[in-house]
PDB file of N, CA and C in Angstrom:
ATOM      1  N   MET A   1       1.914  -0.861   4.404  1.00  0.00           N
ATOM      2  CA  MET A   1       2.240  -2.375   4.135  1.00  0.00           C
ATOM      3  C   MET A   1       3.100  -2.396   2.868  1.00  0.00           C
ATOM      4  N   THR A   2       3.949  -3.114   2.846  1.00  0.00           N
ATOM      5  CA  THR A   2       4.849  -3.487   1.742  1.00  0.00           C
ATOM      6  C   THR A   2       5.134  -4.875   1.471  1.00  0.00           C
ATOM      7  N   ASP A   3       5.480  -5.167   0.326  1.00  0.00           N
ATOM      8  CA  ASP A   3       5.939  -6.722   0.122  1.00  0.00           C
ATOM      9  C   ASP A   3       7.567  -6.626   0.073  1.00  0.00           C
ATOM     10  N   ARG A   4       8.129  -7.694  -0.059  1.00  0.00           N
ATOM     11  CA  ARG A   4       9.585  -7.821   0.179  1.00  0.00           C
ATOM     12  C   ARG A   4      10.286  -7.057  -0.710  1.00  0.00           C
ATOM     13  N   GLY A   5       9.768  -6.629  -1.894  1.00  0.00           N
ATOM     14  CA  GLY A   5      10.491  -5.926  -2.784  1.00  0.00           C
ATOM     15  C   GLY A   5      10.797  -4.452  -2.552  1.00  0.00           C
ATOM     16  N   PHE A   6      10.243  -3.882  -1.342  1.00  0.00           N
ATOM     17  CA  PHE A   6      10.775  -2.632  -1.027  1.00  0.00           C
ATOM     18  C   PHE A   6      11.779  -2.744   0.114  1.00  0.00           C
ATOM     19  N   LYS A   7      12.903  -2.863  -0.303  1.00  0.00           N
ATOM     20  CA  LYS A   7      14.084  -2.953   0.694  1.00  0.00           C
ATOM     21  C   LYS A   7      14.498  -1.821   1.613  1.00  0.00           C
ATOM     22  N   ASP A   8      14.526  -0.757   0.913  1.00  0.00           N
ATOM     23  CA  ASP A   8      15.142   0.526   1.911  1.00  0.00           C
ATOM     24  C   ASP A   8      14.103   1.597   2.281  1.00  0.00           C
ATOM     25  N   ILE A   9      12.948   0.998   2.267  1.00  0.00           N
ATOM     26  CA  ILE A   9      11.810   2.102   2.425  1.00  0.00           C
ATOM     27  C   ILE A   9      11.663   2.214   4.177  1.00  0.00           C
ATOM     28  N   GLY A  10      12.077   1.212   4.843  1.00  0.00           N
ATOM     29  CA  GLY A  10      11.842   1.422   6.216  1.00  0.00           C
ATOM     30  C   GLY A  10      12.440   2.575   6.991  1.00  0.00           C
ATOM     31  N   LYS A  11      13.685   2.944   6.666  1.00  0.00           N
ATOM     32  CA  LYS A  11      14.278   4.317   7.121  1.00  0.00           C
ATOM     33  C   LYS A  11      13.321   5.507   6.941  1.00  0.00           C
ATOM     34  N   LEU A  12      12.960   5.577   5.830  1.00  0.00           N
ATOM     35  CA  LEU A  12      12.100   6.541   5.187  1.00  0.00           C
ATOM     36  C   LEU A  12      10.783   6.768   5.963  1.00  0.00           C
ATOM     37  N   LEU A  13      10.089   5.590   6.237  1.00  0.00           N
ATOM     38  CA  LEU A  13       8.929   5.650   6.939  1.00  0.00           C
ATOM     39  C   LEU A  13       9.072   5.939   8.268  1.00  0.00           C
ATOM     40  N   HIS A  14      10.196   5.410   9.027  1.00  0.00           N
ATOM     41  CA  HIS A  14      10.517   5.706  10.501  1.00  0.00           C
ATOM     42  C   HIS A  14      10.465   7.244  10.551  1.00  0.00           C
ATOM     43  N   GLU A  15      11.357   7.816   9.742  1.00  0.00           N
ATOM     44  CA  GLU A  15      11.422   9.226   9.840  1.00  0.00           C
ATOM     45  C   GLU A  15      10.122  10.002   9.641  1.00  0.00           C
ATOM     46  N   GLN A  16       9.168   9.480   9.000  1.00  0.00           N
ATOM     47  CA  GLN A  16       7.768  10.008   8.927  1.00  0.00           C
ATOM     48  C   GLN A  16       6.863   9.571  10.054  1.00  0.00           C
ATOM     49  N   ASN A  17       7.436   8.652  11.110  1.00  0.00           N
ATOM     50  CA  ASN A  17       6.678   8.185  12.133  1.00  0.00           C
ATOM     51  C   ASN A  17       5.844   7.143  11.717  1.00  0.00           C
ATOM     52  N   CYS A  18       6.007   6.343  10.720  1.00  0.00           N
ATOM     53  CA  CYS A  18       5.080   5.408  10.245  1.00  0.00           C
ATOM     54  C   CYS A  18       5.658   3.963  10.557  1.00  0.00           C
ATOM     55  N   LYS A  19       4.875   3.093  10.722  1.00  0.00           N
ATOM     56  CA  LYS A  19       5.328   1.763  11.043  1.00  0.00           C
ATOM     57  C   LYS A  19       5.260   0.986   9.896  1.00  0.00           C
ATOM     58  N   LEU A  20       6.284   0.173   9.444  1.00  0.00           N
ATOM     59  CA  LEU A  20       6.288  -0.748   8.192  1.00  0.00           C
ATOM     60  C   LEU A  20       5.825  -1.868   8.589  1.00  0.00           C
ATOM     61  N   ILE A  21       4.977  -2.628   7.779  1.00  0.00           N
ATOM     62  CA  ILE A  21       4.306  -3.984   8.015  1.00  0.00           C
ATOM     63  C   ILE A  21       4.801  -4.637   6.698  1.00  0.00           C
ATOM     64  N   ARG A  22       5.421  -5.683   6.859  1.00  0.00           N
ATOM     65  CA  ARG A  22       5.706  -6.703   5.707  1.00  0.00           C
ATOM     66  C   ARG A  22       5.716  -7.999   6.273  1.00  0.00           C
ATOM     67  N   PRO A  23       5.662  -9.097   5.301  1.00  0.00           N
ATOM     68  CA  PRO A  23       5.688 -10.371   5.755  1.00  0.00           C
ATOM     69  C   PRO A  23       6.918 -10.557   6.381  1.00  0.00           C
ATOM     70  N   PRO A  24       7.247 -11.603   7.241  1.00  0.00           N
ATOM     71  CA  PRO A  24       8.304 -12.158   7.540  1.00  0.00           C
ATOM     72  C   PRO A  24       9.179 -12.631   6.391  1.00  0.00           C
ATOM     73  N   SER A  25      10.571 -12.521   6.349  1.00  0.00           N
ATOM     74  CA  SER A  25      11.268 -12.885   5.416  1.00  0.00           C
ATOM     75  C   SER A  25      11.244 -14.463   5.163  1.00  0.00           C
ATOM     76  N   VAL A  26      11.200 -14.931   3.880  1.00  0.00           N
ATOM     77  CA  VAL A  26      11.324 -16.385   3.491  1.00  0.00           C
ATOM     78  C   VAL A  26      12.484 -16.867   3.040  1.00  0.00           C
ATOM     79  N   SER A  27      13.614 -15.952   3.129  1.00  0.00           N
ATOM     80  CA  SER A  27      14.865 -16.337   2.702  1.00  0.00           C
ATOM     81  C   SER A  27      15.579 -17.344   3.449  1.00  0.00           C
ATOM     82  N   SER A  28      15.204 -17.328   4.753  1.00  0.00           N
ATOM     83  CA  SER A  28      16.005 -18.173   5.849  1.00  0.00           C
ATOM     84  C   SER A  28      15.646 -19.549   5.435  1.00  0.00           C
ATOM     85  N   THR A  29      16.643 -20.432   5.757  1.00  0.00           N
ATOM     86  CA  THR A  29      16.421 -21.901   5.610  1.00  0.00           C
ATOM     87  C   THR A  29      15.688 -22.530   6.818  1.00  0.00           C
ATOM     88  N   GLU A  30      15.710 -21.906   7.649  1.00  0.00           N
ATOM     89  CA  GLU A  30      15.011 -22.323   9.053  1.00  0.00           C
ATOM     90  C   GLU A  30      13.376 -22.228   8.983  1.00  0.00           C
ATOM     91  N   LYS A  31      13.111 -23.280   9.521  1.00  0.00           N
ATOM     92  CA  LYS A  31      11.576 -23.506   9.431  1.00  0.00           C
ATOM     93  C   LYS A  31      10.961 -22.194  10.249  1.00  0.00           C
ATOM     94  N   PRO A  32       9.659 -21.578   9.638  1.00  0.00           N
ATOM     95  CA  PRO A  32       9.341 -20.195  10.415  1.00  0.00           C
ATOM     96  C   PRO A  32       8.759 -20.670  11.820  1.00  0.00           C
ATOM     97  N   THR A  33       8.639 -19.826  12.836  1.00  0.00           N
ATOM     98  CA  THR A  33       8.044 -20.066  14.024  1.00  0.00           C
ATOM     99  C   THR A  33       6.460 -19.966  13.799  1.00  0.00           C
ATOM    100  N   LYS A  34       5.885 -20.431  14.840  1.00  0.00           N
ATOM    101  CA  LYS A  34       4.413 -20.353  14.776  1.00  0.00           C
ATOM    102  C   LYS A  34       3.964 -18.946  14.827  1.00  0.00           C
ATOM    103  N   ALA A  35       4.805 -18.192  15.607  1.00  0.00           N
ATOM    104  CA  ALA A  35       4.213 -16.599  15.427  1.00  0.00           C
ATOM    105  C   ALA A  35       4.346 -16.233  14.089  1.00  0.00           C
ATOM    106  N   GLU A  36       5.550 -16.402  13.415  1.00  0.00           N
ATOM    107  CA  GLU A  36       5.721 -15.864  12.180  1.00  0.00           C
ATOM    108  C   GLU A  36       4.738 -16.379  11.028  1.00  0.00           C
ATOM    109  N   VAL A  37       4.294 -17.668  11.355  1.00  0.00           N
ATOM    110  CA  VAL A  37       3.360 -18.375  10.483  1.00  0.00           C
ATOM    111  C   VAL A  37       1.850 -17.435  10.562  1.00  0.00           C
ATOM    112  N   LEU A  38       1.705 -17.127  11.946  1.00  0.00           N
ATOM    113  CA  LEU A  38       0.344 -16.375  12.197  1.00  0.00           C
ATOM    114  C   LEU A  38       0.300 -15.015  11.600  1.00  0.00           C
ATOM    115  N   GLU A  39       1.693 -14.387  11.884  1.00  0.00           N
ATOM    116  CA  GLU A  39       1.814 -13.107  11.358  1.00  0.00           C
ATOM    117  C   GLU A  39       1.576 -12.861   9.849  1.00  0.00           C
ATOM    118  N   THR A  40       2.013 -14.035   9.214  1.00  0.00           N
ATOM    119  CA  THR A  40       2.219 -13.982   7.665  1.00  0.00           C
ATOM    120  C   THR A  40       0.778 -14.186   7.362  1.00  0.00           C
ATOM    121  N   ARG A  41      -0.091 -14.989   7.875  1.00  0.00           N
ATOM    122  CA  ARG A  41      -1.545 -15.027   7.750  1.00  0.00           C
ATOM    123  C   ARG A  41      -2.411 -13.964   7.702  1.00  0.00           C
ATOM    124  N   HIS A  42      -2.105 -13.170   8.878  1.00  0.00           N
ATOM    125  CA  HIS A  42      -2.779 -11.922   9.213  1.00  0.00           C
ATOM    126  C   HIS A  42      -2.466 -10.912   8.152  1.00  0.00           C
ATOM    127  N   ILE A  43      -1.056 -10.828   7.902  1.00  0.00           N
ATOM    128  CA  ILE A  43      -0.961  -9.877   6.537  1.00  0.00           C
ATOM    129  C   ILE A  43      -1.389 -10.258   5.441  1.00  0.00           C
ATOM    130  N   ALA A  44      -1.608 -11.448   5.225  1.00  0.00           N
ATOM    131  CA  ALA A  44      -2.240 -11.901   3.848  1.00  0.00           C
ATOM    132  C   ALA A  44      -3.568 -11.603   3.947  1.00  0.00           C
ATOM    133  N   SER A  45      -4.181 -11.503   5.035  1.00  0.00           N
ATOM    134  CA  SER A  45      -5.771 -11.308   5.066  1.00  0.00           C
ATOM    135  C   SER A  45      -5.980  -9.870   4.842  1.00  0.00           C
ATOM    136  N   LEU A  46      -5.031  -9.056   5.325  1.00  0.00           N
ATOM    137  CA  LEU A  46      -5.158  -7.734   5.067  1.00  0.00           C
ATOM    138  C   LEU A  46      -4.771  -7.078   3.699  1.00  0.00           C
ATOM    139  N   ARG A  47      -3.777  -7.954   3.162  1.00  0.00           N
ATOM    140  CA  ARG A  47      -3.459  -7.486   1.792  1.00  0.00           C
ATOM    141  C   ARG A  47      -4.578  -7.282   0.819  1.00  0.00           C
ATOM    142  N   LYS A  48      -5.617  -8.208   0.726  1.00  0.00           N
ATOM    143  CA  LYS A  48      -6.647  -8.099  -0.105  1.00  0.00           C
ATOM    144  C   LYS A  48      -7.346  -6.714  -0.034  1.00  0.00           C
ATOM    145  N   HIS A  49      -7.409  -6.062   1.133  1.00  0.00           N
ATOM    146  CA  HIS A  49      -8.041  -5.019   1.310  1.00  0.00           C
ATOM    147  C   HIS A  49      -7.223  -3.815   0.933  1.00  0.00           C
ATOM    148  N   ILE A  50      -5.904  -3.825   0.952  1.00  0.00           N
ATOM    149  CA  ILE A  50      -4.930  -2.898   0.381  1.00  0.00           C
ATOM    150  C   ILE A  50      -4.992  -2.854  -1.189  1.00  0.00           C
ATOM    151  N   GLU A  51      -4.928  -4.026  -1.639  1.00  0.00           N
ATOM    152  CA  GLU A  51      -5.215  -4.163  -3.025  1.00  0.00           C
ATOM    153  C   GLU A  51      -6.465  -3.541  -3.784  1.00  0.00           C
ATOM    154  N   TRP A  52      -7.543  -3.676  -2.809  1.00  0.00           N
ATOM    155  CA  TRP A  52      -8.846  -3.134  -3.352  1.00  0.00           C
ATOM    156  C   TRP A  52      -8.670  -1.672  -3.262  1.00  0.00           C
ATOM    157  N   VAL A  53      -8.011  -0.938  -2.410  1.00  0.00           N
ATOM    158  CA  VAL A  53      -7.918   0.373  -2.231  1.00  0.00           C
ATOM    159  C   VAL A  53      -6.906   0.928  -3.465  1.00  0.00           C
ATOM    160  N   ILE A  54      -5.935   0.170  -3.648  1.00  0.00           N
ATOM    161  CA  ILE A  54      -5.058   0.644  -4.907  1.00  0.00           C
ATOM    162  C   ILE A  54      -5.888   0.558  -6.147  1.00  0.00           C
ATOM    163  N   ARG A  55      -6.581  -0.416  -6.360  1.00  0.00           N
ATOM    164  CA  ARG A  55      -7.542  -0.662  -7.697  1.00  0.00           C
ATOM    165  C   ARG A  55      -8.390   0.512  -7.585  1.00  0.00           C
ATOM    166  N   THR A  56      -9.069   0.917  -6.362  1.00  0.00           N
ATOM    167  CA  THR A  56     -10.057   1.923  -6.557  1.00  0.00           C
ATOM    168  C   THR A  56      -9.421   3.365  -6.699  1.00  0.00           C
ATOM    169  N   VAL A  57      -8.196   3.538  -6.461  1.00  0.00           N
ATOM    170  CA  VAL A  57      -7.571   4.696  -6.541  1.00  0.00           C
ATOM    171  C   VAL A  57      -7.326   4.986  -8.160  1.00  0.00           C
ATOM    172  N   ARG A  58      -6.797   3.795  -8.783  1.00  0.00           N
ATOM    173  CA  ARG A  58      -6.506   3.846 -10.078  1.00  0.00           C
ATOM    174  C   ARG A  58      -7.910   3.930 -10.994  1.00  0.00           C
ATOM    175  N   GLU A  59      -9.101   3.849 -10.496  1.00  0.00           N
ATOM    176  CA  GLU A  59     -10.284   4.133 -11.146  1.00  0.00           C
ATOM    177  C   GLU A  59     -10.445   5.667 -11.445  1.00  0.00           C
ATOM    178  N   PHE A  60      -9.785   6.503 -10.593  1.00  0.00           N
ATOM    179  CA  PHE A  60      -9.783   7.899 -11.047  1.00  0.00           C
ATOM    180  C   PHE A  60      -8.974   8.215 -12.514  1.00  0.00           C
ATOM    181  N   GLU A  61      -9.650   8.637 -13.311  1.00  0.00           N
ATOM    182  CA  GLU A  61      -9.123   8.879 -14.704  1.00  0.00           C
ATOM    183  C   GLU A  61      -7.770   9.319 -14.530  1.00  0.00           C
ATOM    184  N   TYR A  62      -7.458  10.398 -13.893  1.00  0.00           N
ATOM    185  CA  TYR A  62      -6.138  11.006 -13.652  1.00  0.00           C
ATOM    186  C   TYR A  62      -5.086  10.203 -13.102  1.00  0.00           C
ATOM    187  N   LEU A  63      -5.472   9.191 -12.441  1.00  0.00           N
ATOM    188  CA  LEU A  63      -4.419   8.253 -11.891  1.00  0.00           C
ATOM    189  C   LEU A  63      -4.408   6.740 -12.388  1.00  0.00           C
ATOM    190  N   LYS A  64      -5.111   6.934 -13.463  1.00  0.00           N
ATOM    191  CA  LYS A  64      -5.122   5.420 -14.105  1.00  0.00           C
ATOM    192  C   LYS A  64      -3.666   5.143 -14.690  1.00  0.00           C
ATOM    193  N   PRO A  65      -3.354   3.954 -14.661  1.00  0.00           N
ATOM    194  CA  PRO A  65      -1.936   3.455 -15.106  1.00  0.00           C
ATOM    195  C   PRO A  65      -1.692   4.044 -16.663  1.00  0.00           C
ATOM    196  N   HIS A  66      -0.707   4.408 -16.969  1.00  0.00           N
ATOM    197  CA  HIS A  66      -0.455   4.822 -18.381  1.00  0.00           C
ATOM    198  C   HIS A  66      -1.550   6.031 -18.850  1.00  0.00           C
ATOM    199  N   SER A  67      -2.086   6.714 -17.849  1.00  0.00           N
ATOM    200  CA  SER A  67      -2.888   7.973 -18.334  1.00  0.00           C
ATOM    201  C   SER A  67      -1.779   9.071 -18.753  1.00  0.00           C
ATOM    202  N   VAL A  68      -2.476   9.792 -19.750  1.00  0.00           N
ATOM    203  CA  VAL A  68      -1.542  10.999 -20.252  1.00  0.00           C
ATOM    204  C   VAL A  68      -2.063  12.164 -19.518  1.00  0.00           C
ATOM    205  N   ILE A  69      -1.016  12.757 -18.698  1.00  0.00           N
ATOM    206  CA  ILE A  69      -1.261  13.856 -18.087  1.00  0.00           C
ATOM    207  C   ILE A  69      -0.509  15.000 -18.474  1.00  0.00           C
ATOM    208  N   ASP A  70      -0.978  16.073 -19.015  1.00  0.00           N
ATOM    209  CA  ASP A  70      -0.352  17.320 -19.470  1.00  0.00           C
ATOM    210  C   ASP A  70       0.842  17.606 -18.425  1.00  0.00           C
ATOM    211  N   HIS A  71       1.740  18.021 -19.000  1.00  0.00           N
ATOM    212  CA  HIS A  71       3.062  18.396 -18.236  1.00  0.00           C
ATOM    213  C   HIS A  71       2.711  19.479 -17.341  1.00  0.00           C
ATOM    214  N   ASN A  72       1.873  20.528 -17.652  1.00  0.00           N
ATOM    215  CA  ASN A  72       1.470  21.626 -16.541  1.00  0.00           C
ATOM    216  C   ASN A  72       0.682  21.194 -15.491  1.00  0.00           C
ATOM    217  N   LEU A  73       0.243  19.880 -15.601  1.00  0.00           N
ATOM    218  CA  LEU A  73      -0.587  19.256 -14.256  1.00  0.00           C
ATOM    219  C   LEU A  73       0.225  18.573 -13.388  1.00  0.00           C
ATOM    220  N   ILE A  74       1.292  18.084 -13.955  1.00  0.00           N
ATOM    221  CA  ILE A  74       2.275  17.256 -13.188  1.00  0.00           C
ATOM    222  C   ILE A  74       2.648  17.777 -11.662  1.00  0.00           C
ATOM    223  N   ALA A  75       2.611  19.004 -11.429  1.00  0.00           N
ATOM    224  CA  ALA A  75       2.871  19.590  -9.979  1.00  0.00           C
ATOM    225  C   ALA A  75       1.670  19.381  -8.979  1.00  0.00           C
ATOM    226  N   HIS A  76       0.536  18.943  -9.705  1.00  0.00           N
ATOM    227  CA  HIS A  76      -0.638  18.711  -9.014  1.00  0.00           C
ATOM    228  C   HIS A  76      -0.887  17.302  -8.598  1.00  0.00           C
ATOM    229  N   THR A  77      -0.120  16.484  -9.108  1.00  0.00           N
ATOM    230  CA  THR A  77      -0.420  14.883  -9.087  1.00  0.00           C
ATOM    231  C   THR A  77      -0.382  14.590  -7.435  1.00  0.00           C
ATOM    232  N   ASP A  78       0.453  15.141  -6.640  1.00  0.00           N
ATOM    233  CA  ASP A  78       0.379  14.784  -5.199  1.00  0.00           C
ATOM    234  C   ASP A  78      -0.957  15.121  -4.644  1.00  0.00           C
ATOM    235  N   SER A  79      -1.477  16.292  -4.851  1.00  0.00           N
ATOM    236  CA  SER A  79      -2.636  16.747  -4.438  1.00  0.00           C
ATOM    237  C   SER A  79      -3.938  16.002  -4.916  1.00  0.00           C
ATOM    238  N   VAL A  80      -3.833  15.785  -6.195  1.00  0.00           N
ATOM    239  CA  VAL A  80      -4.949  14.913  -6.714  1.00  0.00           C
ATOM    240  C   VAL A  80      -4.903  13.471  -6.027  1.00  0.00           C
ATOM    241  N   THR A  81      -3.792  12.864  -5.679  1.00  0.00           N
ATOM    242  CA  THR A  81      -3.794  11.638  -5.041  1.00  0.00           C
ATOM    243  C   THR A  81      -4.330  11.736  -3.701  1.00  0.00           C
ATOM    244  N   VAL A  82      -3.931  12.808  -3.024  1.00  0.00           N
ATOM    245  CA  VAL A  82      -4.442  12.832  -1.636  1.00  0.00           C
ATOM    246  C   VAL A  82      -5.978  13.098  -1.631  1.00  0.00           C
ATOM    247  N   ILE A  83      -6.494  13.822  -2.570  1.00  0.00           N
ATOM    248  CA  ILE A  83      -8.100  13.951  -2.678  1.00  0.00           C
ATOM    249  C   ILE A  83      -8.581  12.895  -2.919  1.00  0.00           C
ATOM    250  N   ALA A  84      -8.084  12.028  -3.990  1.00  0.00           N
ATOM    251  CA  ALA A  84      -8.703  10.926  -4.344  1.00  0.00           C
ATOM    252  C   ALA A  84      -8.801   9.808  -3.227  1.00  0.00           C
ATOM    253  N   CYS A  85      -7.787   9.695  -2.513  1.00  0.00           N
ATOM    254  CA  CYS A  85      -7.665   8.849  -1.218  1.00  0.00           C
ATOM    255  C   CYS A  85      -8.715   9.262  -0.168  1.00  0.00           C
ATOM    256  N   ALA A  86      -8.988  10.707  -0.039  1.00  0.00           N
ATOM    257  CA  ALA A  86      -9.921  11.142   0.959  1.00  0.00           C
ATOM    258  C   ALA A  86     -11.130  10.881   0.414  1.00  0.00           C
ATOM    259  N   LEU A  87     -11.579  10.904  -0.873  1.00  0.00           N
ATOM    260  CA  LEU A  87     -12.933  10.460  -1.210  1.00  0.00           C
ATOM    261  C   LEU A  87     -13.107   8.995  -1.062  1.00  0.00           C
ATOM    262  N   ILE A  88     -12.001   8.252  -1.337  1.00  0.00           N
ATOM    263  CA  ILE A  88     -12.222   6.785  -0.943  1.00  0.00           C
ATOM    264  C   ILE A  88     -12.499   6.529   0.524  1.00  0.00           C
ATOM    265  N   ASN A  89     -11.790   7.389   1.436  1.00  0.00           N
ATOM    266  CA  ASN A  89     -12.005   7.043   2.795  1.00  0.00           C
ATOM    267  C   ASN A  89     -13.435   7.594   3.180  1.00  0.00           C
ATOM    268  N   LEU A  90     -14.218   8.390   2.422  1.00  0.00           N
ATOM    269  CA  LEU A  90     -15.638   8.835   2.780  1.00  0.00           C
ATOM    270  C   LEU A  90     -16.636   7.724   2.246  1.00  0.00           C
ATOM    271  N   GLN A  91     -16.059   6.584   1.601  1.00  0.00           N
ATOM    272  CA  GLN A  91     -16.983   5.512   1.248  1.00  0.00           C
ATOM    273  C   GLN A  91     -17.060   4.676   2.223  1.00  0.00           C
ATOM    274  N   THR A  92     -18.153   3.924   2.183  1.00  0.00           N
ATOM    275  CA  THR A  92     -18.504   2.738   3.274  1.00  0.00           C
ATOM    276  C   THR A  92     -17.235   1.907   3.468  1.00  0.00           C
ATOM    277  N   SER A  93     -17.050   1.430   4.610  1.00  0.00           N
ATOM    278  CA  SER A  93     -15.992   0.559   4.881  1.00  0.00           C
ATOM    279  C   SER A  93     -15.924  -0.692   4.260  1.00  0.00           C
ATOM    280  N   ILE A  94     -14.693  -1.182   3.786  1.00  0.00           N
ATOM    281  CA  ILE A  94     -14.453  -2.234   2.919  1.00  0.00           C
ATOM    282  C   ILE A  94     -14.173  -3.564   3.764  1.00  0.00           C
ATOM    283  N   ILE A  95     -14.019  -3.075   5.212  1.00  0.00           N
ATOM    284  CA  ILE A  95     -13.907  -4.276   6.124  1.00  0.00           C
ATOM    285  C   ILE A  95     -15.085  -4.355   6.886  1.00  0.00           C
ATOM    286  N   LYS A  96     -15.722  -5.546   6.920  1.00  0.00           N
ATOM    287  CA  LYS A  96     -17.105  -5.738   7.611  1.00  0.00           C
ATOM    288  C   LYS A  96     -16.798  -6.097   9.041  1.00  0.00           C
TER     289      LYS A  96
END
């Protein structure tokens, strides 16, 4: 799931066999269809869960914004992120 700021990520995700979810464009001067309005509401309802996960990942000291990481550990950042996300996935569900 991305917001409108990630313009060129669709091709990269497609290559990885991932589906990109983003709100319908609001740049059009046309009135949105009923389906677009419903899709936008659905995406907005899921967005709070995504934001919770991002906030939870950032609670790990190593992954906090502006954390100081020894340059010798930079190579391990991807692995640390995967492990942090796996630990979060083991927690109880955030969607009831």
